[in-house]
C-alpha atoms as a PDB file:
ATOM      1  CA  MET A   1      10.660  -9.244  14.916  1.00  0.00           C
ATOM      2  CA  LYS A   2       7.015  -8.841  15.889  1.00  0.00           C
ATOM      3  CA  ARG A   3       6.074  -7.921  12.307  1.00  0.00           C
ATOM      4  CA  ILE A   4       7.968 -10.914  10.878  1.00  0.00           C
ATOM      5  CA  PHE A   5       6.079 -13.158  13.294  1.00  0.00           C
ATOM      6  CA  LEU A   6       2.808 -11.538  12.182  1.00  0.00           C
ATOM      7  CA  VAL A   7       3.658 -12.147   8.517  1.00  0.00           C
ATOM      8  CA  CYS A   8       4.374 -15.841   9.192  1.00  0.00           C
ATOM      9  CA  CYS A   9       1.210 -16.346  11.265  1.00  0.00           C
ATOM     10  CA  THR A  10      -0.975 -14.609   8.696  1.00  0.00           C
ATOM     11  CA  ASN A  11       0.499 -16.649   5.872  1.00  0.00           C
ATOM     12  CA  ILE A  12      -0.179 -19.887   7.764  1.00  0.00           C
ATOM     13  CA  ALA A  13      -3.750 -18.719   8.419  1.00  0.00           C
ATOM     14  CA  VAL A  14      -4.258 -17.969   4.722  1.00  0.00           C
ATOM     15  CA  LEU A  15      -3.000 -21.405   3.696  1.00  0.00           C
ATOM     16  CA  ALA A  16      -5.294 -23.053   6.255  1.00  0.00           C
ATOM     17  CA  LEU A  17      -8.246 -21.039   4.931  1.00  0.00           C
ATOM     18  CA  LEU A  18      -7.469 -22.030   1.355  1.00  0.00           C
ATOM     19  CA  TYR A  19      -7.337 -25.694   2.352  1.00  0.00           C
ATOM     20  CA  LEU A  20     -10.767 -25.250   3.972  1.00  0.00           C
ATOM     21  CA  VAL A  21     -12.162 -23.586   0.829  1.00  0.00           C
ATOM     22  CA  LEU A  22     -10.790 -26.446  -1.258  1.00  0.00           C
ATOM     23  CA  PHE A  23     -12.431 -28.996   1.035  1.00  0.00           C
ATOM     24  CA  VAL A  24     -15.815 -27.206   0.802  1.00  0.00           C
ATOM     25  CA  LEU A  25     -15.597 -27.043  -3.013  1.00  0.00           C
ATOM     26  CA  GLU A  26     -14.922 -30.779  -3.179  1.00  0.00           C
ATOM     27  CA  SER A  27     -17.772 -31.544  -0.771  1.00  0.00           C
ATOM     28  CA  VAL A  28     -20.323 -29.410  -2.646  1.00  0.00           C
ATOM     29  CA  SER A  29     -19.343 -30.350  -6.189  1.00  0.00           C
ATOM     30  CA  GLY A  30     -18.569 -34.014  -5.511  1.00  0.00           C
ATOM     31  CA  ILE A  31     -15.494 -33.606  -7.719  1.00  0.00           C
ATOM     32  CA  ARG A  32     -12.118 -34.337  -6.216  1.00  0.00           C
ATOM     33  CA  LEU A  33      -9.823 -31.423  -6.883  1.00  0.00           C
ATOM     34  CA  SER A  34      -7.216 -32.383  -4.317  1.00  0.00           C
ATOM     35  CA  GLY A  35      -4.187 -34.196  -5.500  1.00  0.00           C
ATOM     36  CA  PRO A  36      -0.459 -34.395  -5.109  1.00  0.00           C
ATOM     37  CA  GLY A  37      -0.066 -31.062  -6.852  1.00  0.00           C
ATOM     38  CA  ASN A  38      -2.300 -28.959  -4.580  1.00  0.00           C
ATOM     39  CA  ALA A  39       0.164 -28.728  -1.726  1.00  0.00           C
ATOM     40  CA  GLY A  40       2.709 -27.571  -4.245  1.00  0.00           C
ATOM     41  CA  LEU A  41       0.169 -25.103  -5.657  1.00  0.00           C
ATOM     42  CA  LEU A  42      -0.289 -23.564  -2.205  1.00  0.00           C
ATOM     43  CA  VAL A  43       3.462 -23.180  -1.800  1.00  0.00           C
ATOM     44  CA  PHE A  44       3.721 -21.762  -5.323  1.00  0.00           C
ATOM     45  CA  SER A  45       0.914 -19.280  -4.603  1.00  0.00           C
ATOM     46  CA  ALA A  46       2.453 -18.165  -1.318  1.00  0.00           C
ATOM     47  CA  VAL A  47       5.965 -17.813  -2.744  1.00  0.00           C
ATOM     48  CA  PHE A  48       4.819 -15.754  -5.717  1.00  0.00           C
ATOM     49  CA  GLY A  49       2.098 -13.925  -3.757  1.00  0.00           C
ATOM     50  CA  PHE A  50       4.421 -12.734  -1.011  1.00  0.00           C
ATOM     51  CA  GLY A  51       7.648 -12.796  -3.008  1.00  0.00           C
ATOM     52  CA  GLY A  52       6.794  -9.916  -5.320  1.00  0.00           C
ATOM     53  CA  ALA A  53       5.325  -7.804  -2.507  1.00  0.00           C
ATOM     54  CA  LEU A  54       8.333  -8.348  -0.220  1.00  0.00           C
ATOM     55  CA  ILE A  55      10.841  -7.626  -2.982  1.00  0.00           C
ATOM     56  CA  SER A  56       9.000  -4.383  -3.796  1.00  0.00           C
ATOM     57  CA  LEU A  57       9.113  -3.408  -0.124  1.00  0.00           C
ATOM     58  CA  ALA A  58      12.812  -4.195   0.181  1.00  0.00           C
ATOM     59  CA  LEU A  59      13.599  -2.090  -2.898  1.00  0.00           C
ATOM     60  CA  SER A  60      11.082   0.661  -2.159  1.00  0.00           C
ATOM     61  CA  LYS A  61      13.593   3.357  -1.157  1.00  0.00           C
ATOM     62  CA  TRP A  62      15.898   2.564  -4.068  1.00  0.00           C
ATOM     63  CA  ILE A  63      12.965   2.614  -6.518  1.00  0.00           C
ATOM     64  CA  ALA A  64      11.689   5.929  -5.128  1.00  0.00           C
ATOM     65  CA  LYS A  65      15.088   7.585  -5.364  1.00  0.00           C
ATOM     66  CA  ARG A  66      15.676   6.381  -8.926  1.00  0.00           C
ATOM     67  CA  THR A  67      12.137   6.991 -10.183  1.00  0.00           C
ATOM     68  CA  LEU A  68      11.854  10.571  -8.962  1.00  0.00           C
ATOM     69  CA  GLY A  69      15.525  11.502  -8.707  1.00  0.00           C
ATOM     70  CA  VAL A  70      15.264  12.168  -4.965  1.00  0.00           C
ATOM     71  CA  ARG A  71      18.235  14.060  -3.513  1.00  0.00           C
ATOM     72  CA  VAL A  72      18.752  12.890   0.060  1.00  0.00           C
ATOM     73  CA  ILE A  73      19.852  15.678   2.407  1.00  0.00           C
ATOM     74  CA  GLU A  74      22.947  14.173   3.996  1.00  0.00           C
ATOM     75  CA  ARG A  75      24.346  17.524   5.084  1.00  0.00           C
ATOM     76  CA  ALA A  76      22.188  20.645   5.192  1.00  0.00           C
ATOM     77  CA  ARG A  77      23.349  23.254   2.687  1.00  0.00           C
ATOM     78  CA  SER A  78      20.919  26.046   3.580  1.00  0.00           C
ATOM     79  CA  GLU A  79      18.766  27.313   6.420  1.00  0.00           C
ATOM     80  CA  PRO A  80      15.569  25.707   4.986  1.00  0.00           C
ATOM     81  CA  GLU A  81      17.341  22.337   4.860  1.00  0.00           C
ATOM     82  CA  VAL A  82      18.556  22.794   8.452  1.00  0.00           C
ATOM     83  CA  TRP A  83      14.957  23.520   9.495  1.00  0.00           C
ATOM     84  CA  LEU A  84      13.701  20.507   7.546  1.00  0.00           C
ATOM     85  CA  LEU A  85      16.147  18.064   9.182  1.00  0.00           C
ATOM     86  CA  THR A  86      15.575  19.556  12.632  1.00  0.00           C
ATOM     87  CA  THR A  87      11.802  19.370  12.288  1.00  0.00           C
ATOM     88  CA  VAL A  88      11.859  15.771  11.051  1.00  0.00           C
ATOM     89  CA  GLY A  89      14.157  14.783  13.921  1.00  0.00           C
ATOM     90  CA  ARG A  90      11.910  16.452  16.492  1.00  0.00           C
ATOM     91  CA  LEU A  91       8.688  14.937  15.127  1.00  0.00           C
ATOM     92  CA  ALA A  92      10.288  11.503  14.749  1.00  0.00           C
ATOM     93  CA  GLY A  93      11.325  11.640  18.418  1.00  0.00           C
ATOM     94  CA  ARG A  94       7.732  12.447  19.397  1.00  0.00           C
ATOM     95  CA  ALA A  95       6.498   9.558  17.222  1.00  0.00           C
ATOM     96  CA  GLY A  96       8.981   7.167  18.869  1.00  0.00           C
ATOM     97  CA  ILE A  97      10.934   6.249  15.748  1.00  0.00           C
ATOM     98  CA  ARG A  98      14.402   6.866  14.332  1.00  0.00           C
ATOM     99  CA  ALA A  99      14.561   9.930  12.104  1.00  0.00           C
ATOM    100  CA  PRO A 100      14.158   8.793   8.489  1.00  0.00           C
ATOM    101  CA  GLU A 101      16.202   9.966   5.539  1.00  0.00           C
ATOM    102  CA  VAL A 102      14.862  13.245   4.178  1.00  0.00           C
ATOM    103  CA  GLY A 103      14.950  14.008   0.470  1.00  0.00           C
ATOM    104  CA  ILE A 104      13.786  16.562  -2.075  1.00  0.00           C
ATOM    105  CA  TYR A 105      12.792  15.851  -5.658  1.00  0.00           C
ATOM    106  CA  VAL A 106      12.333  18.167  -8.619  1.00  0.00           C
ATOM    107  CA  SER A 107       8.640  18.671  -9.340  1.00  0.00           C
ATOM    108  CA  ASP A 108       6.405  21.729  -9.474  1.00  0.00           C
ATOM    109  CA  ASP A 109       3.412  19.832  -8.072  1.00  0.00           C
ATOM    110  CA  MET A 110       2.772  19.777  -4.322  1.00  0.00           C
ATOM    111  CA  ASN A 111       3.307  16.297  -2.972  1.00  0.00           C
ATOM    112  CA  ALA A 112       5.306  14.221  -0.515  1.00  0.00           C
ATOM    113  CA  PHE A 113       5.625  10.530   0.312  1.00  0.00           C
ATOM    114  CA  ALA A 114       7.137   8.085   2.768  1.00  0.00           C
ATOM    115  CA  THR A 115       8.547   4.678   1.945  1.00  0.00           C
ATOM    116  CA  GLY A 116      11.014   2.112   3.232  1.00  0.00           C
ATOM    117  CA  PRO A 117      11.210  -1.507   4.399  1.00  0.00           C
ATOM    118  CA  ARG A 118      11.097  -0.779   8.155  1.00  0.00           C
ATOM    119  CA  ARG A 119       9.998   1.894  10.611  1.00  0.00           C
ATOM    120  CA  ASN A 120      13.602   2.719  11.423  1.00  0.00           C
ATOM    121  CA  SER A 121      14.840   2.575   7.835  1.00  0.00           C
ATOM    122  CA  ALA A 122      12.492   4.916   6.008  1.00  0.00           C
ATOM    123  CA  LEU A 123      12.635   7.790   3.548  1.00  0.00           C
ATOM    124  CA  ILE A 124      10.472  10.897   3.453  1.00  0.00           C
ATOM    125  CA  ALA A 125      10.659  12.989   0.278  1.00  0.00           C
ATOM    126  CA  LEU A 126       9.022  16.315  -0.527  1.00  0.00           C
ATOM    127  CA  SER A 127       8.607  18.024  -3.874  1.00  0.00           C
ATOM    128  CA  GLU A 128      10.212  21.389  -4.550  1.00  0.00           C
ATOM    129  CA  GLY A 129       6.757  22.730  -5.386  1.00  0.00           C
ATOM    130  CA  LEU A 130       5.454  21.837  -1.936  1.00  0.00           C
ATOM    131  CA  LEU A 131       8.455  23.415  -0.217  1.00  0.00           C
ATOM    132  CA  ARG A 132       8.055  26.628  -2.227  1.00  0.00           C
ATOM    133  CA  ARG A 133       4.318  27.130  -1.870  1.00  0.00           C
ATOM    134  CA  MET A 134       3.501  25.837   1.613  1.00  0.00           C
ATOM    135  CA  SER A 135       4.145  27.688   4.843  1.00  0.00           C
ATOM    136  CA  ARG A 136       6.348  26.063   7.461  1.00  0.00           C
ATOM    137  CA  PRO A 137       3.419  25.092   9.720  1.00  0.00           C
ATOM    138  CA  GLU A 138       1.821  23.388   6.694  1.00  0.00           C
ATOM    139  CA  ILE A 139       5.068  21.610   5.763  1.00  0.00           C
ATOM    140  CA  GLU A 140       5.421  20.474   9.376  1.00  0.00           C
ATOM    141  CA  ALA A 141       1.926  18.987   9.199  1.00  0.00           C
ATOM    142  CA  VAL A 142       2.823  17.150   5.970  1.00  0.00           C
ATOM    143  CA  LEU A 143       5.944  15.776   7.658  1.00  0.00           C
ATOM    144  CA  GLY A 144       3.788  14.683  10.611  1.00  0.00           C
ATOM    145  CA  HIS A 145       1.434  12.897   8.219  1.00  0.00           C
ATOM    146  CA  GLU A 146       4.275  11.035   6.506  1.00  0.00           C
ATOM    147  CA  LEU A 147       5.996  10.209   9.805  1.00  0.00           C
ATOM    148  CA  SER A 148       2.691   8.769  11.033  1.00  0.00           C
ATOM    149  CA  HIS A 149       2.714   6.405   8.032  1.00  0.00           C
ATOM    150  CA  VAL A 150       6.201   5.307   9.074  1.00  0.00           C
ATOM    151  CA  ALA A 151       5.396   5.025  12.800  1.00  0.00           C
ATOM    152  CA  ASN A 152       2.232   3.004  12.045  1.00  0.00           C
ATOM    153  CA  GLY A 153       4.248   0.573   9.923  1.00  0.00           C
ATOM    154  CA  ASP A 154       1.918   1.204   7.002  1.00  0.00           C
ATOM    155  CA  MET A 155       4.436   0.109   4.372  1.00  0.00           C
ATOM    156  CA  VAL A 156       4.879  -3.301   5.995  1.00  0.00           C
ATOM    157  CA  THR A 157       1.162  -3.718   6.713  1.00  0.00           C
ATOM    158  CA  LEU A 158       0.177  -2.902   3.143  1.00  0.00           C
ATOM    159  CA  THR A 159       2.797  -5.371   1.869  1.00  0.00           C
ATOM    160  CA  LEU A 160       1.412  -8.063   4.174  1.00  0.00           C
ATOM    161  CA  LEU A 161      -2.130  -7.434   2.952  1.00  0.00           C
ATOM    162  CA  GLN A 162      -1.007  -7.431  -0.672  1.00  0.00           C
ATOM    163  CA  GLY A 163       0.844 -10.722  -0.166  1.00  0.00           C
ATOM    164  CA  VAL A 164      -2.182 -12.384   1.437  1.00  0.00           C
ATOM    165  CA  LEU A 165      -4.458 -11.273  -1.386  1.00  0.00           C
ATOM    166  CA  ASN A 166      -1.947 -12.247  -4.073  1.00  0.00           C
ATOM    167  CA  THR A 167      -1.746 -15.740  -2.570  1.00  0.00           C
ATOM    168  CA  PHE A 168      -5.533 -16.000  -2.518  1.00  0.00           C
ATOM    169  CA  VAL A 169      -5.885 -14.811  -6.133  1.00  0.00           C
ATOM    170  CA  ILE A 170      -3.211 -17.138  -7.549  1.00  0.00           C
ATOM    171  CA  PHE A 171      -4.477 -20.207  -5.691  1.00  0.00           C
ATOM    172  CA  MET A 172      -8.222 -19.714  -6.122  1.00  0.00           C
ATOM    173  CA  ALA A 173      -7.945 -18.785  -9.814  1.00  0.00           C
ATOM    174  CA  ARG A 174      -6.315 -22.133 -10.519  1.00  0.00           C
ATOM    175  CA  ILE A 175      -8.816 -24.052  -8.387  1.00  0.00           C
ATOM    176  CA  ILE A 176     -11.717 -22.347 -10.194  1.00  0.00           C
ATOM    177  CA  GLY A 177     -10.039 -23.064 -13.527  1.00  0.00           C
ATOM    178  CA  SER A 178      -9.697 -26.737 -12.626  1.00  0.00           C
ATOM    179  CA  LEU A 179     -13.348 -26.959 -11.524  1.00  0.00           C
ATOM    180  CA  ILE A 180     -14.690 -25.331 -14.707  1.00  0.00           C
ATOM    181  CA  ASP A 181     -12.405 -27.443 -16.886  1.00  0.00           C
ATOM    182  CA  ARG A 182     -13.782 -30.634 -15.346  1.00  0.00           C
ATOM    183  CA  VAL A 183     -17.462 -29.664 -14.989  1.00  0.00           C
ATOM    184  CA  LEU A 184     -18.166 -27.541 -18.084  1.00  0.00           C
ATOM    185  CA  PHE A 185     -15.509 -28.839 -20.473  1.00  0.00           C
ATOM    186  CA  LYS A 186     -15.840 -32.473 -19.278  1.00  0.00           C
ATOM    187  CA  ASN A 187     -12.088 -32.876 -19.063  1.00  0.00           C
ATOM    188  CA  ASP A 188     -11.370 -36.034 -17.047  1.00  0.00           C
ATOM    189  CA  ARG A 189      -7.716 -36.208 -17.994  1.00  0.00           C
ATOM    190  CA  GLU A 190      -4.912 -35.362 -15.591  1.00  0.00           C
ATOM    191  CA  ASP A 191      -3.588 -32.752 -18.033  1.00  0.00           C
ATOM    192  CA  ALA A 192      -5.247 -29.335 -17.950  1.00  0.00           C
ATOM    193  CA  GLY A 193      -7.341 -28.495 -20.979  1.00  0.00           C
ATOM    194  CA  LEU A 194      -8.165 -25.256 -22.783  1.00  0.00           C
ATOM    195  CA  GLY A 195     -11.020 -24.600 -20.356  1.00  0.00           C
ATOM    196  CA  PHE A 196      -8.571 -24.529 -17.450  1.00  0.00           C
ATOM    197  CA  PHE A 197      -6.392 -21.854 -19.017  1.00  0.00           C
ATOM    198  CA  LEU A 198      -9.307 -19.679 -20.131  1.00  0.00           C
ATOM    199  CA  ALA A 199     -11.145 -19.946 -16.813  1.00  0.00           C
ATOM    200  CA  THR A 200      -7.961 -19.383 -14.804  1.00  0.00           C
ATOM    201  CA  MET A 201      -7.146 -16.187 -16.690  1.00  0.00           C
ATOM    202  CA  ALA A 202     -10.703 -14.869 -16.295  1.00  0.00           C
ATOM    203  CA  ALA A 203     -10.818 -15.786 -12.593  1.00  0.00           C
ATOM    204  CA  GLN A 204      -7.438 -14.173 -11.961  1.00  0.00           C
ATOM    205  CA  ILE A 205      -8.604 -10.915 -13.549  1.00  0.00           C
ATOM    206  CA  LEU A 206     -11.869 -10.832 -11.582  1.00  0.00           C
ATOM    207  CA  LEU A 207     -10.288 -11.877  -8.284  1.00  0.00           C
ATOM    208  CA  GLY A 208      -7.450  -9.427  -8.898  1.00  0.00           C
ATOM    209  CA  LEU A 209      -9.945  -6.571  -9.274  1.00  0.00           C
ATOM    210  CA  PHE A 210     -11.627  -7.605  -6.039  1.00  0.00           C
ATOM    211  CA  ALA A 211      -8.240  -7.770  -4.285  1.00  0.00           C
ATOM    212  CA  SER A 212      -7.341  -4.305  -5.610  1.00  0.00           C
ATOM    213  CA  MET A 213     -10.542  -2.890  -4.109  1.00  0.00           C
ATOM    214  CA  ILE A 214      -9.607  -4.322  -0.704  1.00  0.00           C
ATOM    215  CA  VAL A 215      -6.066  -2.914  -0.881  1.00  0.00           C
ATOM    216  CA  SER A 216      -7.420   0.482  -1.971  1.00  0.00           C
ATOM    217  CA  TRP A 217      -9.962   0.516   0.868  1.00  0.00           C
ATOM    218  CA  PHE A 218      -7.200  -0.150   3.388  1.00  0.00           C
ATOM    219  CA  SER A 219      -5.019   2.523   1.791  1.00  0.00           C
ATOM    220  CA  ARG A 220      -7.822   5.085   2.190  1.00  0.00           C
ATOM    221  CA  TYR A 221      -8.247   4.061   5.828  1.00  0.00           C
ATOM    222  CA  ARG A 222      -4.502   4.579   6.379  1.00  0.00           C
ATOM    223  CA  GLU A 223      -4.761   8.123   5.056  1.00  0.00           C
ATOM    224  CA  PHE A 224      -7.382   9.093   7.634  1.00  0.00           C
ATOM    225  CA  ARG A 225      -5.200   7.553  10.350  1.00  0.00           C
ATOM    226  CA  ALA A 226      -2.076   9.358   9.087  1.00  0.00           C
ATOM    227  CA  ASP A 227      -3.996  12.653   9.009  1.00  0.00           C
ATOM    228  CA  ARG A 228      -4.953  12.065  12.620  1.00  0.00           C
ATOM    229  CA  GLY A 229      -1.312  11.312  13.441  1.00  0.00           C
ATOM    230  CA  GLY A 230      -0.123  14.416  11.595  1.00  0.00           C
ATOM    231  CA  ALA A 231      -2.613  16.515  13.542  1.00  0.00           C
ATOM    232  CA  ALA A 232      -1.353  15.034  16.826  1.00  0.00           C
ATOM    233  CA  LEU A 233       2.278  15.765  15.933  1.00  0.00           C
ATOM    234  CA  ALA A 234       1.931  19.168  14.293  1.00  0.00           C
ATOM    235  CA  GLY A 235      -1.513  20.476  15.257  1.00  0.00           C
ATOM    236  CA  THR A 236      -4.954  20.006  13.732  1.00  0.00           C
ATOM    237  CA  ALA A 237      -5.040  23.535  12.314  1.00  0.00           C
ATOM    238  CA  GLY A 238      -1.756  22.980  10.459  1.00  0.00           C
ATOM    239  CA  MET A 239      -2.936  19.640   9.066  1.00  0.00           C
ATOM    240  CA  ILE A 240      -6.189  21.149   7.800  1.00  0.00           C
ATOM    241  CA  CYS A 241      -4.342  24.115   6.259  1.00  0.00           C
ATOM    242  CA  ALA A 242      -1.933  21.741   4.497  1.00  0.00           C
ATOM    243  CA  LEU A 243      -4.807  19.724   3.014  1.00  0.00           C
ATOM    244  CA  GLU A 244      -6.587  22.909   1.969  1.00  0.00           C
ATOM    245  CA  ALA A 245      -3.410  24.057   0.202  1.00  0.00           C
ATOM    246  CA  LEU A 246      -3.311  20.746  -1.664  1.00  0.00           C
ATOM    247  CA  GLN A 247      -6.989  21.153  -2.509  1.00  0.00           C
ATOM    248  CA  ARG A 248      -6.352  24.583  -4.043  1.00  0.00           C
ATOM    249  CA  GLU A 249      -3.577  23.212  -6.249  1.00  0.00           C
ATOM    250  CA  SER A 250      -4.316  19.750  -7.516  1.00  0.00           C
ATOM    251  CA  GLY A 251      -0.919  18.552  -8.767  1.00  0.00           C
ATOM    252  CA  GLU A 252       0.089  15.541 -10.779  1.00  0.00           C
ATOM    253  CA  ALA A 253      -0.109  12.151  -9.105  1.00  0.00           C
ATOM    254  CA  LEU A 254       3.001  10.292  -7.992  1.00  0.00           C
ATOM    255  CA  PRO A 255       4.197   7.272  -9.995  1.00  0.00           C
ATOM    256  CA  ALA A 256       1.875   4.287  -9.541  1.00  0.00           C
ATOM    257  CA  GLN A 257       4.195   2.373  -7.200  1.00  0.00           C
ATOM    258  CA  LEU A 258       4.381   5.369  -4.830  1.00  0.00           C
ATOM    259  CA  GLN A 259       0.825   6.734  -4.926  1.00  0.00           C
ATOM    260  CA  ALA A 260      -0.340   4.791  -1.875  1.00  0.00           C
ATOM    261  CA  PHE A 261       2.409   6.425   0.221  1.00  0.00           C
ATOM    262  CA  GLY A 262       1.943  10.049  -0.866  1.00  0.00           C
ATOM    263  CA  ILE A 263       0.183  12.926   0.871  1.00  0.00           C
ATOM    264  CA  ASP A 264      -2.046  13.454  -2.163  1.00  0.00           C
ATOM    265  CA  SER A 265      -3.255  11.404  -5.105  1.00  0.00           C
ATOM    266  CA  SER A 266      -5.464  12.286  -8.045  1.00  0.00           C
ATOM    267  CA  ALA A 267      -9.065  11.558  -7.109  1.00  0.00           C
ATOM    268  CA  ALA A 268     -11.237   9.418  -9.344  1.00  0.00           C
ATOM    269  CA  GLY A 269     -15.004   9.545  -9.484  1.00  0.00           C
ATOM    270  CA  GLY A 270     -17.836   7.027  -9.573  1.00  0.00           C
ATOM    271  CA  PHE A 271     -16.959   3.350  -9.626  1.00  0.00           C
ATOM    272  CA  LEU A 272     -13.235   4.175  -9.924  1.00  0.00           C
ATOM    273  CA  ARG A 273     -13.332   5.573  -6.375  1.00  0.00           C
ATOM    274  CA  LEU A 274     -13.268   1.942  -5.225  1.00  0.00           C
ATOM    275  CA  PHE A 275      -9.728   1.732  -6.610  1.00  0.00           C
ATOM    276  CA  ALA A 276      -8.488   5.101  -5.276  1.00  0.00           C
ATOM    277  CA  SER A 277      -5.564   4.961  -2.844  1.00  0.00           C
ATOM    278  CA  HIS A 278      -6.662   8.201  -1.106  1.00  0.00           C
ATOM    279  CA  PRO A 279      -9.984   9.622   0.102  1.00  0.00           C
ATOM    280  CA  THR A 280     -10.853  12.965  -1.462  1.00  0.00           C
ATOM    281  CA  LEU A 281      -9.203  15.959   0.184  1.00  0.00           C
ATOM    282  CA  ALA A 282     -12.674  17.267   1.059  1.00  0.00           C
ATOM    283  CA  GLN A 283     -13.422  14.046   2.971  1.00  0.00           C
ATOM    284  CA  ARG A 284     -10.118  14.231   4.828  1.00  0.00           C
ATOM    285  CA  ILE A 285     -10.608  17.866   5.795  1.00  0.00           C
ATOM    286  CA  ALA A 286     -14.160  17.158   6.974  1.00  0.00           C
ATOM    287  CA  ALA A 287     -12.970  14.188   9.045  1.00  0.00           C
ATOM    288  CA  LEU A 288     -10.354  16.345  10.821  1.00  0.00           C
ATOM    289  CA  ARG A 289     -12.867  19.104  11.497  1.00  0.00           C
ATOM    290  CA  ASN A 290     -15.375  16.616  12.864  1.00  0.00           C
ATOM    291  CA  GLY A 291     -12.719  14.868  14.947  1.00  0.00           C
ATOM    292  CA  SER A 292     -13.351  11.555  13.167  1.00  0.00           C
ATOM    293  CA  ALA A 293     -10.159  11.296  11.074  1.00  0.00           C
END
């Protein structure tokens, strides 16, 4: 309930900010952009901005299971599966959350992820490659990392941030398009001209890139926090060893819609680092060793 209240309050704050931006633009340019349609534009922006993000969150477990073919362990069929369910239950109790569903998916790369619409309705999935090539203390650290994502409500928080930024991008792109259409293309008609459509598309691309950088920055911050949580639940030494094991074997990245929730993600260099969902493994290991993760 607290998170729903936070979503509503944040959305109201975003709409108020956009109204303020609109007022400043009108005051500076001397051109009246406000009209009967702007209130509707704000509603349209908020509905589409949050709608897609919330639908993705609601379907996140279903998408993960179908995309990767995750087999949820409903009843343990072997001693390793018994250990896995027992360990997740124990760590979840320490983290103060309900034990999530635990699944395994077929992949030789070493990776794991957490997803789900709520803290107490989550899924943690591990690849067969990770289970084969990591020791149990390392797997426990990975589980602690993913459970920290769940306990911190990272899935909901990232959805909230994405919705806010989507609303901003949709609304401001159309306001910028309207301003350019009237100032540069001298369109005084009520109907939008060619300049509006061209400027709106360009503004949406540029603002979308900026929004992606913000989301990626927050995602990298979450990884440091989840590493710290994994270290608290399973021990710092185990968390460092798990990251070092991932560093030795750089596997394939998860599908795009799941990369932000995985333990590892392919690292990009240079300017592309601004769009990376994860810090480099070297940075994460250094942060744990220095006590700053």
